Amino acid sequence: MHSLRQLPRRLSPWWVALILAGCSSQHATYVPDGRRGFVVTCSGLLSSWSSCLVKAGRACGNHGYETINGDEEDRTILIACQPPRIDSASGHTSP
């Protein structure tokens, strides 16, 4: 029983770290024009708008993205992934 009472004290630094670090999430969706997109949310005291932009960039890879709607105060952004570029000379898509 003695060790169970100390458990909350041992875990409390971890909870504080998690709360301060915040969390970010992304979920796939489609934007009004039908393109694939993502809603990226970054919350927490240490999360910033730039961390949301980095996460948005990673979601679409090297194709890039277009910001459809973003709220810097709420740190939420709706993005649409750019389609792969087609090389006009070879007809192949670029990575």
Protein backbone atom coordinates (compact mmCIF):
# COMPACT_ATOMS: atom_id res chain seq x y z
CA MET A 1 0.00 0.00 0.00
CA HIS A 2 2.83 2.37 0.78
CA SER A 3 4.15 2.26 -2.79
CA LEU A 4 0.67 2.96 -4.21
CA ARG A 5 0.51 6.26 -2.30
CA GLN A 6 3.79 7.37 -3.84
CA LEU A 7 2.71 6.51 -7.37
CA PRO A 8 0.96 9.85 -8.03
CA ARG A 9 4.06 11.74 -6.84
CA ARG A 10 6.24 9.73 -9.18
CA LEU A 11 3.94 10.26 -12.14
CA SER A 12 3.25 13.95 -11.58
CA PRO A 13 6.41 15.22 -13.35
CA TRP A 14 5.42 13.18 -16.39
CA TRP A 15 1.92 14.65 -16.42
CA VAL A 16 3.30 18.16 -16.15
CA ALA A 17 5.67 17.50 -19.05
CA LEU A 18 2.87 16.13 -21.21
CA ILE A 19 0.60 19.07 -20.50
CA LEU A 20 3.32 21.62 -21.23
CA ALA A 21 4.45 19.87 -24.39
CA GLY A 22 0.91 19.64 -25.65
CA CYS A 23 -0.17 17.39 -28.38
CA SER A 24 -0.69 17.61 -32.05
CA SER A 25 -2.97 15.63 -34.22
CA GLN A 26 -3.90 15.33 -37.82
CA HIS A 27 -6.72 13.58 -39.51
CA ALA A 28 -7.37 13.03 -43.17
CA THR A 29 -10.28 14.74 -44.86
CA TYR A 30 -11.28 16.18 -48.21
CA VAL A 31 -11.49 19.88 -48.95
CA PRO A 32 -14.50 21.40 -50.75
CA ASP A 33 -12.97 21.00 -54.23
CA GLY A 34 -12.42 17.27 -53.67
CA ARG A 35 -8.68 17.21 -53.06
CA ARG A 36 -7.22 15.15 -50.27
CA GLY A 37 -6.43 17.21 -47.22
CA PHE A 38 -5.73 17.19 -43.52
CA VAL A 39 -6.87 19.02 -40.44
CA VAL A 40 -3.80 19.65 -38.29
CA THR A 41 -4.25 20.73 -34.67
CA CYS A 42 -1.43 21.72 -32.34
CA SER A 43 -2.32 22.49 -28.76
CA GLY A 44 -0.42 22.92 -25.52
CA LEU A 45 1.61 25.65 -23.96
CA LEU A 46 4.80 24.84 -25.83
CA SER A 47 3.21 24.24 -29.23
CA SER A 48 3.42 27.09 -31.69
CA TRP A 49 1.89 28.04 -35.02
CA SER A 50 5.15 27.15 -36.73
CA SER A 51 4.99 23.63 -35.28
CA CYS A 52 1.57 23.26 -36.94
CA LEU A 53 3.02 24.41 -40.25
CA VAL A 54 5.85 21.88 -39.98
CA LYS A 55 3.33 19.11 -39.23
CA ALA A 56 1.24 20.21 -42.24
CA GLY A 57 4.32 20.03 -44.46
CA ARG A 58 5.08 16.51 -43.28
CA ALA A 59 1.49 15.38 -43.88
CA CYS A 60 1.71 16.09 -47.61
CA GLY A 61 5.31 15.17 -48.16
CA ASN A 62 7.35 16.79 -50.89
CA HIS A 63 4.30 17.68 -52.99
CA GLY A 64 3.55 20.66 -50.78
CA TYR A 65 0.21 21.94 -49.60
CA GLU A 66 -2.20 24.83 -49.88
CA THR A 67 -3.69 26.38 -46.76
CA ILE A 68 -7.48 26.34 -47.07
CA ASN A 69 -8.25 27.70 -43.63
CA GLY A 70 -6.09 28.38 -40.61
CA ASP A 71 -6.58 29.83 -37.16
CA GLU A 72 -3.32 30.85 -35.53
CA GLU A 73 -5.01 31.52 -32.19
CA ASP A 74 -6.56 28.02 -32.00
CA ARG A 75 -3.54 26.51 -33.80
CA THR A 76 -5.71 24.59 -36.24
CA ILE A 77 -5.10 24.47 -39.97
CA LEU A 78 -6.97 22.86 -42.88
CA ILE A 79 -4.67 22.04 -45.76
CA ALA A 80 -5.03 20.50 -49.21
CA CYS A 81 -2.15 18.44 -50.54
CA GLN A 82 -0.84 19.50 -53.92
CA PRO A 83 -1.14 16.82 -56.61
CA PRO A 84 2.07 15.22 -57.89
CA ARG A 85 3.65 17.19 -60.72
CA ILE A 86 3.72 15.57 -64.16
CA ASP A 87 6.88 16.01 -66.18
CA SER A 88 5.66 17.21 -69.58
CA ALA A 89 8.66 15.74 -71.41
CA SER A 90 8.42 12.21 -70.07
CA GLY A 91 4.81 12.05 -68.87
CA HIS A 92 5.94 10.65 -65.52
CA THR A 93 4.93 12.00 -62.15
CA SER A 94 7.64 13.44 -59.97
CA PRO A 95 8.01 12.18 -56.40
